[in-house]
Amino acid sequence: MGCIRTGDSGSARGAVYVGEKPEGCKKLGAVEGEGGSYRYAAESARKRATERGATHVLLKEPELDIDERQVTVVRGVIFKCPSP
């Protein structure tokens, strides 16, 4: 997916999307997001990651959850990296 800086919330920045595991960072665990499209599902996951203190999000390929009225679901791993 590549790196994209998204969203500012006051003085706190949102987590950054990355295309591979960032070096020198602590793995915080898994995250999941849902939405009507990949964009909204990824944003949901990014917001949840940020709430948990993550600085970076590595998302997997999206899935279509047909049982839930065709909601797009993305899962990924979140990391906390030291400030530069």
C-alpha atoms as a PDB file:
ATOM      1  CA  MET A   1       0.000   0.000   0.000  1.00  0.00           C
ATOM      2  CA  GLY A   2       2.890   2.416   0.602  1.00  0.00           C
ATOM      3  CA  CYS A   3       3.137   5.148   3.208  1.00  0.00           C
ATOM      4  CA  ILE A   4       0.430   7.767   3.444  1.00  0.00           C
ATOM      5  CA  ARG A   5       0.114  10.316   6.236  1.00  0.00           C
ATOM      6  CA  THR A   6      -3.546  10.847   6.996  1.00  0.00           C
ATOM      7  CA  GLY A   7      -5.616  12.784   9.434  1.00  0.00           C
ATOM      8  CA  ASP A   8      -4.741  15.230  12.139  1.00  0.00           C
ATOM      9  CA  SER A   9      -6.643  15.329  15.393  1.00  0.00           C
ATOM     10  CA  GLY A  10      -5.541  18.455  17.209  1.00  0.00           C
ATOM     11  CA  SER A  11      -1.906  17.980  18.132  1.00  0.00           C
ATOM     12  CA  ALA A  12      -2.045  14.172  17.793  1.00  0.00           C
ATOM     13  CA  ARG A  13      -1.294  12.708  14.384  1.00  0.00           C
ATOM     14  CA  GLY A  14      -3.046   9.645  13.039  1.00  0.00           C
ATOM     15  CA  ALA A  15      -1.255   6.371  12.441  1.00  0.00           C
ATOM     16  CA  VAL A  16       0.603   6.028   9.134  1.00  0.00           C
ATOM     17  CA  TYR A  17      -0.179   3.268   6.645  1.00  0.00           C
ATOM     18  CA  VAL A  18       2.899   1.205   5.691  1.00  0.00           C
ATOM     19  CA  GLY A  19       3.513  -1.484   3.071  1.00  0.00           C
ATOM     20  CA  GLU A  20       5.822  -3.613   5.220  1.00  0.00           C
ATOM     21  CA  LYS A  21       6.763  -4.081   8.867  1.00  0.00           C
ATOM     22  CA  PRO A  22       8.576  -0.947  10.084  1.00  0.00           C
ATOM     23  CA  GLU A  23      12.031  -1.586  11.555  1.00  0.00           C
ATOM     24  CA  GLY A  24      12.778  -0.692  15.162  1.00  0.00           C
ATOM     25  CA  CYS A  25       9.114  -0.561  16.149  1.00  0.00           C
ATOM     26  CA  LYS A  26       7.148  -2.372  18.846  1.00  0.00           C
ATOM     27  CA  LYS A  27       4.273  -4.570  17.667  1.00  0.00           C
ATOM     28  CA  LEU A  28       1.094  -3.652  19.558  1.00  0.00           C
ATOM     29  CA  GLY A  29      -1.199  -6.308  18.122  1.00  0.00           C
ATOM     30  CA  ALA A  30      -3.989  -6.701  15.600  1.00  0.00           C
ATOM     31  CA  VAL A  31      -6.589  -4.235  14.364  1.00  0.00           C
ATOM     32  CA  GLU A  32      -9.748  -4.539  12.286  1.00  0.00           C
ATOM     33  CA  GLY A  33     -11.892  -2.032  10.461  1.00  0.00           C
ATOM     34  CA  GLU A  34     -15.193  -2.239   8.611  1.00  0.00           C
ATOM     35  CA  GLY A  35     -16.938  -0.042   6.105  1.00  0.00           C
ATOM     36  CA  GLY A  36     -18.969   0.133   2.940  1.00  0.00           C
ATOM     37  CA  SER A  37     -15.761   0.326   0.874  1.00  0.00           C
ATOM     38  CA  TYR A  38     -12.045  -0.343   1.286  1.00  0.00           C
ATOM     39  CA  ARG A  39     -11.435   3.339   1.948  1.00  0.00           C
ATOM     40  CA  TYR A  40     -13.869   3.488   4.868  1.00  0.00           C
ATOM     41  CA  ALA A  41     -12.741   0.128   6.277  1.00  0.00           C
ATOM     42  CA  ALA A  42      -9.070   1.216   6.181  1.00  0.00           C
ATOM     43  CA  GLU A  43      -9.919   4.538   7.831  1.00  0.00           C
ATOM     44  CA  SER A  44     -11.852   2.693  10.550  1.00  0.00           C
ATOM     45  CA  ALA A  45      -8.817   0.480  11.218  1.00  0.00           C
ATOM     46  CA  ARG A  46      -6.473   3.497  11.227  1.00  0.00           C
ATOM     47  CA  LYS A  47      -8.641   5.342  13.761  1.00  0.00           C
ATOM     48  CA  ARG A  48      -8.757   2.308  16.037  1.00  0.00           C
ATOM     49  CA  ALA A  49      -4.978   1.927  15.742  1.00  0.00           C
ATOM     50  CA  THR A  50      -4.444   5.569  16.659  1.00  0.00           C
ATOM     51  CA  GLU A  51      -6.750   5.219  19.691  1.00  0.00           C
ATOM     52  CA  ARG A  52      -4.557   2.331  20.881  1.00  0.00           C
ATOM     53  CA  GLY A  53      -1.380   4.423  20.602  1.00  0.00           C
ATOM     54  CA  ALA A  54      -0.081   3.044  17.296  1.00  0.00           C
ATOM     55  CA  THR A  55       2.020   5.149  14.971  1.00  0.00           C
ATOM     56  CA  HIS A  56       1.964   2.716  12.000  1.00  0.00           C
ATOM     57  CA  VAL A  57      -0.573   0.302  10.478  1.00  0.00           C
ATOM     58  CA  LEU A  58       0.198  -2.604   8.146  1.00  0.00           C
ATOM     59  CA  LEU A  59      -3.078  -3.701   6.506  1.00  0.00           C
ATOM     60  CA  LYS A  60      -3.778  -6.998   4.771  1.00  0.00           C
ATOM     61  CA  GLU A  61      -5.941  -7.408   1.689  1.00  0.00           C
ATOM     62  CA  PRO A  62      -9.594  -6.484   2.288  1.00  0.00           C
ATOM     63  CA  GLU A  63     -12.303  -9.133   2.594  1.00  0.00           C
ATOM     64  CA  LEU A  64     -15.969  -8.891   1.692  1.00  0.00           C
ATOM     65  CA  ASP A  65     -18.161 -10.079   4.557  1.00  0.00           C
ATOM     66  CA  ILE A  66     -21.225 -11.313   2.674  1.00  0.00           C
ATOM     67  CA  ASP A  67     -22.980 -12.411   5.872  1.00  0.00           C
ATOM     68  CA  GLU A  68     -22.925  -8.812   7.063  1.00  0.00           C
ATOM     69  CA  ARG A  69     -24.632  -7.259   4.005  1.00  0.00           C
ATOM     70  CA  GLN A  70     -21.464  -6.959   1.941  1.00  0.00           C
ATOM     71  CA  VAL A  71     -19.379  -4.951   4.358  1.00  0.00           C
ATOM     72  CA  THR A  72     -15.684  -4.583   3.543  1.00  0.00           C
ATOM     73  CA  VAL A  73     -13.421  -5.776   6.351  1.00  0.00           C
ATOM     74  CA  VAL A  74      -9.692  -5.077   6.653  1.00  0.00           C
ATOM     75  CA  ARG A  75      -7.369  -6.572   9.235  1.00  0.00           C
ATOM     76  CA  GLY A  76      -3.836  -5.622  10.024  1.00  0.00           C
ATOM     77  CA  VAL A  77      -1.034  -5.287  12.524  1.00  0.00           C
ATOM     78  CA  ILE A  78      -0.264  -2.106  14.427  1.00  0.00           C
ATOM     79  CA  PHE A  79       3.090  -0.786  15.624  1.00  0.00           C
ATOM     80  CA  LYS A  80       4.441   1.971  17.840  1.00  0.00           C
ATOM     81  CA  CYS A  81       7.640   3.473  16.471  1.00  0.00           C
ATOM     82  CA  PRO A  82       9.990   5.880  18.226  1.00  0.00           C
ATOM     83  CA  SER A  83       9.847   9.528  17.192  1.00  0.00           C
ATOM     84  CA  PRO A  84      12.482  10.509  14.622  1.00  0.00           C
END
